[in-house]
Amino acid sequence: MPPINPKSLTMPLAAFTMAFVLLAYTRTSISAARSSARLQREVDERSWRGDARRRGEDIEREEGGKGKG
């Protein structure tokens, strides 16, 4: 087995560092997306019209009012 020197440790260290950064980024992104979705659901619970509007439904037409179409 060849002796261990700094050059032989560079590539494994870089690979582990990149893996750690990727793991941290994905965990943070997923956590932020969940938090954002939870907040949006809470807002939509207060305003069911906002949820329907985002889905593209025409609430006024369903209620018998003036709708688009």
PDB file of N, CA and C in Angstrom:
ATOM      1  N   MET A   1       0.848  -1.175   0.000  1.00  0.00           N
ATOM      2  CA  MET A   1       0.000   0.000   0.000  1.00  0.00           C
ATOM      3  C   MET A   1       0.897   1.243   0.000  1.00  0.00           C
ATOM      4  N   PRO A   2       0.591   2.209  -0.870  1.00  0.00           N
ATOM      5  CA  PRO A   2       1.427   3.416  -0.927  1.00  0.00           C
ATOM      6  C   PRO A   2       1.239   4.269   0.327  1.00  0.00           C
ATOM      7  N   PRO A   3       2.204   5.071   0.654  1.00  0.00           N
ATOM      8  CA  PRO A   3       2.091   5.930   1.842  1.00  0.00           C
ATOM      9  C   PRO A   3       0.991   6.989   1.642  1.00  0.00           C
ATOM     10  N   ILE A   4       0.388   7.393   2.744  1.00  0.00           N
ATOM     11  CA  ILE A   4      -0.679   8.405   2.693  1.00  0.00           C
ATOM     12  C   ILE A   4      -0.035   9.788   2.707  1.00  0.00           C
ATOM     13  N   ASN A   5      -0.406  10.589   1.732  1.00  0.00           N
ATOM     14  CA  ASN A   5       0.084  11.966   1.665  1.00  0.00           C
ATOM     15  C   ASN A   5      -1.099  12.891   1.355  1.00  0.00           C
ATOM     16  N   PRO A   6      -0.907  14.185   1.432  1.00  0.00           N
ATOM     17  CA  PRO A   6      -2.022  15.122   1.208  1.00  0.00           C
ATOM     18  C   PRO A   6      -2.693  14.958  -0.152  1.00  0.00           C
ATOM     19  N   LYS A   7      -1.926  14.632  -1.192  1.00  0.00           N
ATOM     20  CA  LYS A   7      -2.527  14.475  -2.518  1.00  0.00           C
ATOM     21  C   LYS A   7      -3.482  13.290  -2.564  1.00  0.00           C
ATOM     22  N   SER A   8      -3.197  12.248  -1.826  1.00  0.00           N
ATOM     23  CA  SER A   8      -4.065  11.076  -1.865  1.00  0.00           C
ATOM     24  C   SER A   8      -5.341  11.292  -1.047  1.00  0.00           C
ATOM     25  N   LEU A   9      -5.375  12.303  -0.215  1.00  0.00           N
ATOM     26  CA  LEU A   9      -6.563  12.585   0.588  1.00  0.00           C
ATOM     27  C   LEU A   9      -7.471  13.652  -0.029  1.00  0.00           C
ATOM     28  N   THR A  10      -6.982  14.356  -1.030  1.00  0.00           N
ATOM     29  CA  THR A  10      -7.734  15.480  -1.597  1.00  0.00           C
ATOM     30  C   THR A  10      -9.048  15.045  -2.227  1.00  0.00           C
ATOM     31  N   MET A  11      -9.016  14.055  -3.095  1.00  0.00           N
ATOM     32  CA  MET A  11     -10.234  13.630  -3.794  1.00  0.00           C
ATOM     33  C   MET A  11     -11.291  13.054  -2.837  1.00  0.00           C
ATOM     34  N   PRO A  12     -10.944  12.148  -1.927  1.00  0.00           N
ATOM     35  CA  PRO A  12     -11.987  11.670  -1.001  1.00  0.00           C
ATOM     36  C   PRO A  12     -12.553  12.779  -0.122  1.00  0.00           C
ATOM     37  N   LEU A  13     -11.693  13.672   0.316  1.00  0.00           N
ATOM     38  CA  LEU A  13     -12.165  14.785   1.139  1.00  0.00           C
ATOM     39  C   LEU A  13     -13.115  15.680   0.344  1.00  0.00           C
ATOM     40  N   ALA A  14     -12.782  15.947  -0.903  1.00  0.00           N
ATOM     41  CA  ALA A  14     -13.658  16.760  -1.757  1.00  0.00           C
ATOM     42  C   ALA A  14     -14.996  16.052  -1.989  1.00  0.00           C
ATOM     43  N   ALA A  15     -14.962  14.754  -2.205  1.00  0.00           N
ATOM     44  CA  ALA A  15     -16.195  14.002  -2.438  1.00  0.00           C
ATOM     45  C   ALA A  15     -17.092  14.027  -1.202  1.00  0.00           C
ATOM     46  N   PHE A  16     -16.536  13.803  -0.032  1.00  0.00           N
ATOM     47  CA  PHE A  16     -17.334  13.845   1.189  1.00  0.00           C
ATOM     48  C   PHE A  16     -17.872  15.244   1.452  1.00  0.00           C
ATOM     49  N   THR A  17     -17.069  16.259   1.156  1.00  0.00           N
ATOM     50  CA  THR A  17     -17.521  17.642   1.338  1.00  0.00           C
ATOM     51  C   THR A  17     -18.694  17.954   0.410  1.00  0.00           C
ATOM     52  N   MET A  18     -18.581  17.557  -0.855  1.00  0.00           N
ATOM     53  CA  MET A  18     -19.672  17.797  -1.799  1.00  0.00           C
ATOM     54  C   MET A  18     -20.930  17.038  -1.391  1.00  0.00           C
ATOM     55  N   ALA A  19     -20.763  15.820  -0.919  1.00  0.00           N
ATOM     56  CA  ALA A  19     -21.921  15.039  -0.472  1.00  0.00           C
ATOM     57  C   ALA A  19     -22.597  15.712   0.716  1.00  0.00           C
ATOM     58  N   PHE A  20     -21.812  16.217   1.644  1.00  0.00           N
ATOM     59  CA  PHE A  20     -22.374  16.902   2.804  1.00  0.00           C
ATOM     60  C   PHE A  20     -23.115  18.172   2.388  1.00  0.00           C
ATOM     61  N   VAL A  21     -22.517  18.950   1.506  1.00  0.00           N
ATOM     62  CA  VAL A  21     -23.160  20.188   1.049  1.00  0.00           C
ATOM     63  C   VAL A  21     -24.471  19.866   0.325  1.00  0.00           C
ATOM     64  N   LEU A  22     -24.467  18.841  -0.521  1.00  0.00           N
ATOM     65  CA  LEU A  22     -25.675  18.450  -1.235  1.00  0.00           C
ATOM     66  C   LEU A  22     -26.758  17.984  -0.261  1.00  0.00           C
ATOM     67  N   LEU A  23     -26.391  17.201   0.724  1.00  0.00           N
ATOM     68  CA  LEU A  23     -27.344  16.734   1.725  1.00  0.00           C
ATOM     69  C   LEU A  23     -27.933  17.910   2.500  1.00  0.00           C
ATOM     70  N   ALA A  24     -27.083  18.817   2.939  1.00  0.00           N
ATOM     71  CA  ALA A  24     -27.560  19.978   3.694  1.00  0.00           C
ATOM     72  C   ALA A  24     -28.493  20.839   2.841  1.00  0.00           C
ATOM     73  N   TYR A  25     -28.148  21.034   1.573  1.00  0.00           N
ATOM     74  CA  TYR A  25     -28.977  21.845   0.682  1.00  0.00           C
ATOM     75  C   TYR A  25     -30.341  21.204   0.460  1.00  0.00           C
ATOM     76  N   THR A  26     -30.365  19.899   0.207  1.00  0.00           N
ATOM     77  CA  THR A  26     -31.641  19.245  -0.050  1.00  0.00           C
ATOM     78  C   THR A  26     -32.520  19.244   1.200  1.00  0.00           C
ATOM     79  N   ARG A  27     -31.936  18.984   2.351  1.00  0.00           N
ATOM     80  CA  ARG A  27     -32.728  18.980   3.583  1.00  0.00           C
ATOM     81  C   ARG A  27     -33.304  20.374   3.856  1.00  0.00           C
ATOM     82  N   THR A  28     -32.486  21.396   3.650  1.00  0.00           N
ATOM     83  CA  THR A  28     -32.947  22.768   3.869  1.00  0.00           C
ATOM     84  C   THR A  28     -34.046  23.142   2.878  1.00  0.00           C
ATOM     85  N   SER A  29     -33.872  22.759   1.618  1.00  0.00           N
ATOM     86  CA  SER A  29     -34.871  23.076   0.596  1.00  0.00           C
ATOM     87  C   SER A  29     -36.195  22.388   0.884  1.00  0.00           C
ATOM     88  N   ILE A  30     -36.152  21.124   1.258  1.00  0.00           N
ATOM     89  CA  ILE A  30     -37.372  20.390   1.564  1.00  0.00           C
ATOM     90  C   ILE A  30     -38.064  20.998   2.779  1.00  0.00           C
ATOM     91  N   SER A  31     -37.290  21.356   3.778  1.00  0.00           N
ATOM     92  CA  SER A  31     -37.858  21.974   4.975  1.00  0.00           C
ATOM     93  C   SER A  31     -38.519  23.310   4.642  1.00  0.00           C
ATOM     94  N   ALA A  32     -37.873  24.109   3.813  1.00  0.00           N
ATOM     95  CA  ALA A  32     -38.442  25.405   3.423  1.00  0.00           C
ATOM     96  C   ALA A  32     -39.716  25.215   2.604  1.00  0.00           C
ATOM     97  N   ALA A  33     -39.741  24.230   1.722  1.00  0.00           N
ATOM     98  CA  ALA A  33     -40.926  23.977   0.911  1.00  0.00           C
ATOM     99  C   ALA A  33     -42.092  23.518   1.783  1.00  0.00           C
ATOM    100  N   ARG A  34     -41.819  22.668   2.738  1.00  0.00           N
ATOM    101  CA  ARG A  34     -42.875  22.208   3.648  1.00  0.00           C
ATOM    102  C   ARG A  34     -43.425  23.368   4.464  1.00  0.00           C
ATOM    103  N   SER A  35     -42.523  24.215   4.951  1.00  0.00           N
ATOM    104  CA  SER A  35     -42.941  25.365   5.746  1.00  0.00           C
ATOM    105  C   SER A  35     -43.801  26.314   4.918  1.00  0.00           C
ATOM    106  N   SER A  36     -43.388  26.549   3.686  1.00  0.00           N
ATOM    107  CA  SER A  36     -44.142  27.422   2.798  1.00  0.00           C
ATOM    108  C   SER A  36     -45.518  26.840   2.485  1.00  0.00           C
ATOM    109  N   ALA A  37     -45.575  25.537   2.234  1.00  0.00           N
ATOM    110  CA  ALA A  37     -46.853  24.895   1.943  1.00  0.00           C
ATOM    111  C   ALA A  37     -47.769  24.941   3.154  1.00  0.00           C
ATOM    112  N   ARG A  38     -47.218  24.726   4.337  1.00  0.00           N
ATOM    113  CA  ARG A  38     -48.019  24.776   5.563  1.00  0.00           C
ATOM    114  C   ARG A  38     -48.604  26.173   5.755  1.00  0.00           C
ATOM    115  N   LEU A  39     -47.775  27.191   5.552  1.00  0.00           N
ATOM    116  CA  LEU A  39     -48.240  28.568   5.690  1.00  0.00           C
ATOM    117  C   LEU A  39     -49.323  28.875   4.667  1.00  0.00           C
ATOM    118  N   GLN A  40     -49.140  28.429   3.428  1.00  0.00           N
ATOM    119  CA  GLN A  40     -50.126  28.683   2.382  1.00  0.00           C
ATOM    120  C   GLN A  40     -51.448  27.986   2.688  1.00  0.00           C
ATOM    121  N   ARG A  41     -51.379  26.764   3.231  1.00  0.00           N
ATOM    122  CA  ARG A  41     -52.603  26.057   3.616  1.00  0.00           C
ATOM    123  C   ARG A  41     -53.346  26.809   4.708  1.00  0.00           C
ATOM    124  N   GLU A  42     -52.600  27.351   5.677  1.00  0.00           N
ATOM    125  CA  GLU A  42     -53.244  28.115   6.749  1.00  0.00           C
ATOM    126  C   GLU A  42     -53.923  29.363   6.204  1.00  0.00           C
ATOM    127  N   VAL A  43     -53.290  30.009   5.265  1.00  0.00           N
ATOM    128  CA  VAL A  43     -53.886  31.200   4.653  1.00  0.00           C
ATOM    129  C   VAL A  43     -55.135  30.807   3.875  1.00  0.00           C
ATOM    130  N   ASP A  44     -55.067  29.699   3.137  1.00  0.00           N
ATOM    131  CA  ASP A  44     -56.213  29.266   2.342  1.00  0.00           C
ATOM    132  C   ASP A  44     -57.367  28.785   3.196  1.00  0.00           C
ATOM    133  N   GLU A  45     -57.093  28.272   4.382  1.00  0.00           N
ATOM    134  CA  GLU A  45     -58.178  27.878   5.268  1.00  0.00           C
ATOM    135  C   GLU A  45     -58.998  29.087   5.676  1.00  0.00           C
ATOM    136  N   ARG A  46     -58.330  30.215   5.790  1.00  0.00           N
ATOM    137  CA  ARG A  46     -59.039  31.441   6.132  1.00  0.00           C
ATOM    138  C   ARG A  46     -59.779  32.007   4.925  1.00  0.00           C
ATOM    139  N   SER A  47     -59.273  31.723   3.745  1.00  0.00           N
ATOM    140  CA  SER A  47     -59.876  32.244   2.525  1.00  0.00           C
ATOM    141  C   SER A  47     -59.982  31.127   1.500  1.00  0.00           C
ATOM    142  N   TRP A  48     -61.089  30.415   1.477  1.00  0.00           N
ATOM    143  CA  TRP A  48     -61.229  29.309   0.545  1.00  0.00           C
ATOM    144  C   TRP A  48     -61.291  29.798  -0.889  1.00  0.00           C
ATOM    145  N   ARG A  49     -61.627  31.077  -1.073  1.00  0.00           N
ATOM    146  CA  ARG A  49     -61.616  31.635  -2.422  1.00  0.00           C
ATOM    147  C   ARG A  49     -60.203  31.683  -2.990  1.00  0.00           C
ATOM    148  N   GLY A  50     -59.214  31.936  -2.145  1.00  0.00           N
ATOM    149  CA  GLY A  50     -57.830  31.993  -2.611  1.00  0.00           C
ATOM    150  C   GLY A  50     -57.370  30.656  -3.152  1.00  0.00           C
ATOM    151  N   ASP A  51     -57.755  29.582  -2.486  1.00  0.00           N
ATOM    152  CA  ASP A  51     -57.381  28.250  -2.944  1.00  0.00           C
ATOM    153  C   ASP A  51     -58.044  27.932  -4.276  1.00  0.00           C
ATOM    154  N   ALA A  52     -59.316  28.225  -4.396  1.00  0.00           N
ATOM    155  CA  ALA A  52     -60.029  27.940  -5.639  1.00  0.00           C
ATOM    156  C   ALA A  52     -59.492  28.804  -6.774  1.00  0.00           C
ATOM    157  N   ARG A  53     -59.174  30.043  -6.477  1.00  0.00           N
ATOM    158  CA  ARG A  53     -58.639  30.940  -7.503  1.00  0.00           C
ATOM    159  C   ARG A  53     -57.297  30.435  -8.018  1.00  0.00           C
ATOM    160  N   ARG A  54     -56.464  29.922  -7.113  1.00  0.00           N
ATOM    161  CA  ARG A  54     -55.162  29.422  -7.535  1.00  0.00           C
ATOM    162  C   ARG A  54     -55.311  28.172  -8.402  1.00  0.00           C
ATOM    163  N   ARG A  55     -56.355  27.379  -8.146  1.00  0.00           N
ATOM    164  CA  ARG A  55     -56.583  26.189  -8.963  1.00  0.00           C
ATOM    165  C   ARG A  55     -57.249  26.535 -10.275  1.00  0.00           C
ATOM    166  N   GLY A  56     -57.695  27.769 -10.449  1.00  0.00           N
ATOM    167  CA  GLY A  56     -58.295  28.211 -11.698  1.00  0.00           C
ATOM    168  C   GLY A  56     -59.796  28.010 -11.764  1.00  0.00           C
ATOM    169  N   GLU A  57     -60.438  27.768 -10.642  1.00  0.00           N
ATOM    170  CA  GLU A  57     -61.882  27.592 -10.634  1.00  0.00           C
ATOM    171  C   GLU A  57     -62.568  28.944 -10.619  1.00  0.00           C
ATOM    172  N   ASP A  58     -63.732  28.996 -11.205  1.00  0.00           N
ATOM    173  CA  ASP A  58     -64.503  30.230 -11.267  1.00  0.00           C
ATOM    174  C   ASP A  58     -65.609  30.158 -10.225  1.00  0.00           C
ATOM    175  N   ILE A  59     -65.381  30.725  -9.061  1.00  0.00           N
ATOM    176  CA  ILE A  59     -66.311  30.623  -7.935  1.00  0.00           C
ATOM    177  C   ILE A  59     -67.600  31.396  -8.199  1.00  0.00           C
ATOM    178  N   GLU A  60     -67.475  32.586  -8.761  1.00  0.00           N
ATOM    179  CA  GLU A  60     -68.656  33.413  -8.961  1.00  0.00           C
ATOM    180  C   GLU A  60     -69.645  32.735  -9.898  1.00  0.00           C
ATOM    181  N   ARG A  61     -69.147  32.050 -10.934  1.00  0.00           N
ATOM    182  CA  ARG A  61     -70.039  31.364 -11.856  1.00  0.00           C
ATOM    183  C   ARG A  61     -70.747  30.217 -11.129  1.00  0.00           C
ATOM    184  N   GLU A  62     -70.029  29.506 -10.265  1.00  0.00           N
ATOM    185  CA  GLU A  62     -70.630  28.407  -9.529  1.00  0.00           C
ATOM    186  C   GLU A  62     -71.690  28.912  -8.550  1.00  0.00           C
ATOM    187  N   GLU A  63     -71.480  30.123  -8.032  1.00  0.00           N
ATOM    188  CA  GLU A  63     -72.442  30.695  -7.088  1.00  0.00           C
ATOM    189  C   GLU A  63     -73.621  31.341  -7.816  1.00  0.00           C
ATOM    190  N   GLY A  64     -73.571  31.428  -9.137  1.00  0.00           N
ATOM    191  CA  GLY A  64     -74.663  32.022  -9.896  1.00  0.00           C
ATOM    192  C   GLY A  64     -74.447  33.495 -10.175  1.00  0.00           C
ATOM    193  N   GLY A  65     -73.281  34.022  -9.832  1.00  0.00           N
ATOM    194  CA  GLY A  65     -72.996  35.425 -10.096  1.00  0.00           C
ATOM    195  C   GLY A  65     -72.380  35.607 -11.472  1.00  0.00           C
ATOM    196  N   LYS A  66     -71.763  36.769 -11.653  1.00  0.00           N
ATOM    197  CA  LYS A  66     -71.105  37.042 -12.930  1.00  0.00           C
ATOM    198  C   LYS A  66     -69.753  36.375 -12.964  1.00  0.00           C
ATOM    199  N   GLY A  67     -69.555  35.488 -13.873  1.00  0.00           N
ATOM    200  CA  GLY A  67     -68.273  34.782 -14.002  1.00  0.00           C
ATOM    201  C   GLY A  67     -67.609  35.125 -15.311  1.00  0.00           C
ATOM    202  N   LYS A  68     -66.443  34.521 -15.538  1.00  0.00           N
ATOM    203  CA  LYS A  68     -65.754  34.766 -16.800  1.00  0.00           C
ATOM    204  C   LYS A  68     -66.248  33.768 -17.831  1.00  0.00           C
ATOM    205  N   GLY A  69     -67.176  33.872 -18.466  1.00  0.00           N
ATOM    206  CA  GLY A  69     -67.434  32.892 -19.507  1.00  0.00           C
ATOM    207  C   GLY A  69     -68.757  32.441 -19.584  1.00  0.00           C
TER     208      GLY A  69
END
